[in-house]
């Protein structure tokens, strides 16, 4: 495994991580809302 990553790859990876975390949080909120409605 290489420790040194190009800046572009790191930025893309960070953005991907943020988007993934955001979508997971959104899914959790939607699931909680659906459970509250039921």
PDB file of N, CA and C in Angstrom:
ATOM      1  N   UNK A   1       0.848  -1.204   0.000  1.00  0.00           N
ATOM      2  CA  UNK A   1       0.000   0.000   0.000  1.00  0.00           C
ATOM      3  C   UNK A   1       0.877   1.244   0.000  1.00  0.00           C
ATOM      4  N   UNK A   2       0.490   2.224  -0.793  1.00  0.00           N
ATOM      5  CA  UNK A   2       1.275   3.457  -0.864  1.00  0.00           C
ATOM      6  C   UNK A   2       0.690   4.482   0.093  1.00  0.00           C
ATOM      7  N   UNK A   3       1.582   5.081   0.894  1.00  0.00           N
ATOM      8  CA  UNK A   3       1.123   6.095   1.836  1.00  0.00           C
ATOM      9  C   UNK A   3       0.899   7.432   1.150  1.00  0.00           C
ATOM     10  N   UNK A   4       1.762   7.756   0.167  1.00  0.00           N
ATOM     11  CA  UNK A   4       1.634   9.062  -0.495  1.00  0.00           C
ATOM     12  C   UNK A   4       0.576   8.988  -1.582  1.00  0.00           C
ATOM     13  N   UNK A   5      -0.425   9.830  -1.477  1.00  0.00           N
ATOM     14  CA  UNK A   5      -1.519   9.877  -2.446  1.00  0.00           C
ATOM     15  C   UNK A   5      -1.469  11.214  -3.169  1.00  0.00           C
ATOM     16  N   UNK A   6      -1.729  11.232  -4.452  1.00  0.00           N
ATOM     17  CA  UNK A   6      -1.837  12.518  -5.155  1.00  0.00           C
ATOM     18  C   UNK A   6      -2.950  13.364  -4.545  1.00  0.00           C
ATOM     19  N   UNK A   7      -2.777  14.680  -4.594  1.00  0.00           N
ATOM     20  CA  UNK A   7      -3.766  15.560  -3.957  1.00  0.00           C
ATOM     21  C   UNK A   7      -5.144  15.378  -4.584  1.00  0.00           C
ATOM     22  N   UNK A   8      -5.195  15.239  -5.901  1.00  0.00           N
ATOM     23  CA  UNK A   8      -6.507  15.097  -6.543  1.00  0.00           C
ATOM     24  C   UNK A   8      -7.216  13.850  -6.016  1.00  0.00           C
ATOM     25  N   UNK A   9      -6.510  12.733  -5.964  1.00  0.00           N
ATOM     26  CA  UNK A   9      -7.147  11.499  -5.486  1.00  0.00           C
ATOM     27  C   UNK A   9      -7.648  11.684  -4.059  1.00  0.00           C
ATOM     28  N   UNK A  10      -6.834  12.361  -3.231  1.00  0.00           N
ATOM     29  CA  UNK A  10      -7.238  12.542  -1.838  1.00  0.00           C
ATOM     30  C   UNK A  10      -8.493  13.405  -1.773  1.00  0.00           C
ATOM     31  N   UNK A  11      -8.533  14.467  -2.594  1.00  0.00           N
ATOM     32  CA  UNK A  11      -9.709  15.341  -2.559  1.00  0.00           C
ATOM     33  C   UNK A  11     -10.942  14.570  -3.027  1.00  0.00           C
ATOM     34  N   UNK A  12     -10.790  13.800  -4.090  1.00  0.00           N
ATOM     35  CA  UNK A  12     -11.927  13.014  -4.591  1.00  0.00           C
ATOM     36  C   UNK A  12     -12.367  12.012  -3.531  1.00  0.00           C
ATOM     37  N   UNK A  13     -11.394  11.396  -2.864  1.00  0.00           N
ATOM     38  CA  UNK A  13     -11.727  10.415  -1.829  1.00  0.00           C
ATOM     39  C   UNK A  13     -12.472  11.086  -0.677  1.00  0.00           C
ATOM     40  N   UNK A  14     -12.004  12.285  -0.287  1.00  0.00           N
ATOM     41  CA  UNK A  14     -12.671  12.992   0.813  1.00  0.00           C
ATOM     42  C   UNK A  14     -14.105  13.333   0.414  1.00  0.00           C
ATOM     43  N   UNK A  15     -14.265  13.815  -0.832  1.00  0.00           N
ATOM     44  CA  UNK A  15     -15.618  14.181  -1.260  1.00  0.00           C
ATOM     45  C   UNK A  15     -16.504  12.937  -1.281  1.00  0.00           C
ATOM     46  N   UNK A  16     -15.958  11.833  -1.762  1.00  0.00           N
ATOM     47  CA  UNK A  16     -16.739  10.594  -1.812  1.00  0.00           C
ATOM     48  C   UNK A  16     -17.130  10.159  -0.396  1.00  0.00           C
ATOM     49  N   UNK A  17     -16.197  10.301   0.554  1.00  0.00           N
ATOM     50  CA  UNK A  17     -16.489   9.911   1.935  1.00  0.00           C
ATOM     51  C   UNK A  17     -17.591  10.802   2.504  1.00  0.00           C
ATOM     52  N   UNK A  18     -17.521  12.105   2.215  1.00  0.00           N
ATOM     53  CA  UNK A  18     -18.544  13.023   2.736  1.00  0.00           C
ATOM     54  C   UNK A  18     -19.906  12.687   2.134  1.00  0.00           C
ATOM     55  N   UNK A  19     -19.923  12.422   0.826  1.00  0.00           N
ATOM     56  CA  UNK A  19     -21.201  12.101   0.170  1.00  0.00           C
ATOM     57  C   UNK A  19     -21.760  10.799   0.735  1.00  0.00           C
ATOM     58  N   UNK A  20     -20.892   9.816   0.944  1.00  0.00           N
ATOM     59  CA  UNK A  20     -21.351   8.532   1.474  1.00  0.00           C
ATOM     60  C   UNK A  20     -21.920   8.710   2.878  1.00  0.00           C
ATOM     61  N   UNK A  21     -21.198   9.463   3.720  1.00  0.00           N
ATOM     62  CA  UNK A  21     -21.674   9.685   5.089  1.00  0.00           C
ATOM     63  C   UNK A  21     -23.005  10.435   5.059  1.00  0.00           C
ATOM     64  N   UNK A  22     -23.120  11.413   4.162  1.00  0.00           N
ATOM     65  CA  UNK A  22     -24.362  12.184   4.072  1.00  0.00           C
ATOM     66  C   UNK A  22     -25.528  11.297   3.657  1.00  0.00           C
ATOM     67  N   UNK A  23     -25.310  10.432   2.671  1.00  0.00           N
ATOM     68  CA  UNK A  23     -26.400   9.569   2.207  1.00  0.00           C
ATOM     69  C   UNK A  23     -26.789   8.584   3.304  1.00  0.00           C
ATOM     70  N   UNK A  24     -25.811   8.083   4.040  1.00  0.00           N
ATOM     71  CA  UNK A  24     -26.116   7.144   5.129  1.00  0.00           C
ATOM     72  C   UNK A  24     -26.934   7.854   6.205  1.00  0.00           C
ATOM     73  N   UNK A  25     -26.550   9.092   6.532  1.00  0.00           N
ATOM     74  CA  UNK A  25     -27.294   9.854   7.538  1.00  0.00           C
ATOM     75  C   UNK A  25     -28.712  10.126   7.037  1.00  0.00           C
ATOM     76  N   UNK A  26     -28.840  10.456   5.758  1.00  0.00           N
ATOM     77  CA  UNK A  26     -30.173  10.710   5.192  1.00  0.00           C
ATOM     78  C   UNK A  26     -31.026   9.454   5.295  1.00  0.00           C
ATOM     79  N   UNK A  27     -30.459   8.314   4.946  1.00  0.00           N
ATOM     80  CA  UNK A  27     -31.221   7.061   5.015  1.00  0.00           C
ATOM     81  C   UNK A  27     -31.653   6.796   6.458  1.00  0.00           C
ATOM     82  N   UNK A  28     -30.771   7.087   7.422  1.00  0.00           N
ATOM     83  CA  UNK A  28     -31.122   6.886   8.820  1.00  0.00           C
ATOM     84  C   UNK A  28     -32.278   7.790   9.229  1.00  0.00           C
ATOM     85  N   UNK A  29     -32.226   9.056   8.775  1.00  0.00           N
ATOM     86  CA  UNK A  29     -33.307   9.984   9.116  1.00  0.00           C
ATOM     87  C   UNK A  29     -34.619   9.523   8.489  1.00  0.00           C
ATOM     88  N   UNK A  30     -34.559   9.093   7.227  1.00  0.00           N
ATOM     89  CA  UNK A  30     -35.779   8.637   6.543  1.00  0.00           C
ATOM     90  C   UNK A  30     -36.342   7.415   7.260  1.00  0.00           C
ATOM     91  N   UNK A  31     -35.461   6.485   7.635  1.00  0.00           N
ATOM     92  CA  UNK A  31     -35.928   5.279   8.318  1.00  0.00           C
ATOM     93  C   UNK A  31     -36.561   5.655   9.655  1.00  0.00           C
ATOM     94  N   UNK A  32     -35.943   6.596  10.369  1.00  0.00           N
ATOM     95  CA  UNK A  32     -36.496   6.991  11.667  1.00  0.00           C
ATOM     96  C   UNK A  32     -37.862   7.648  11.469  1.00  0.00           C
ATOM     97  N   UNK A  33     -37.973   8.501  10.441  1.00  0.00           N
ATOM     98  CA  UNK A  33     -39.250   9.162  10.171  1.00  0.00           C
ATOM     99  C   UNK A  33     -40.326   8.144   9.814  1.00  0.00           C
ATOM    100  N   UNK A  34     -39.983   7.158   8.989  1.00  0.00           N
ATOM    101  CA  UNK A  34     -40.964   6.144   8.601  1.00  0.00           C
ATOM    102  C   UNK A  34     -41.390   5.352   9.833  1.00  0.00           C
ATOM    103  N   UNK A  35     -40.434   5.060  10.716  1.00  0.00           N
ATOM    104  CA  UNK A  35     -40.764   4.289  11.913  1.00  0.00           C
ATOM    105  C   UNK A  35     -41.691   5.118  12.807  1.00  0.00           C
ATOM    106  N   UNK A  36     -41.436   6.427  12.889  1.00  0.00           N
ATOM    107  CA  UNK A  36     -42.272   7.280  13.732  1.00  0.00           C
ATOM    108  C   UNK A  36     -43.681   7.372  13.146  1.00  0.00           C
ATOM    109  N   UNK A  37     -43.783   7.387  11.811  1.00  0.00           N
ATOM    110  CA  UNK A  37     -45.101   7.473  11.182  1.00  0.00           C
ATOM    111  C   UNK A  37     -45.904   6.198  11.421  1.00  0.00           C
ATOM    112  N   UNK A  38     -45.241   5.058  11.408  1.00  0.00           N
ATOM    113  CA  UNK A  38     -45.953   3.782  11.534  1.00  0.00           C
ATOM    114  C   UNK A  38     -46.661   3.690  12.886  1.00  0.00           C
TER     115      UNK A  38
END
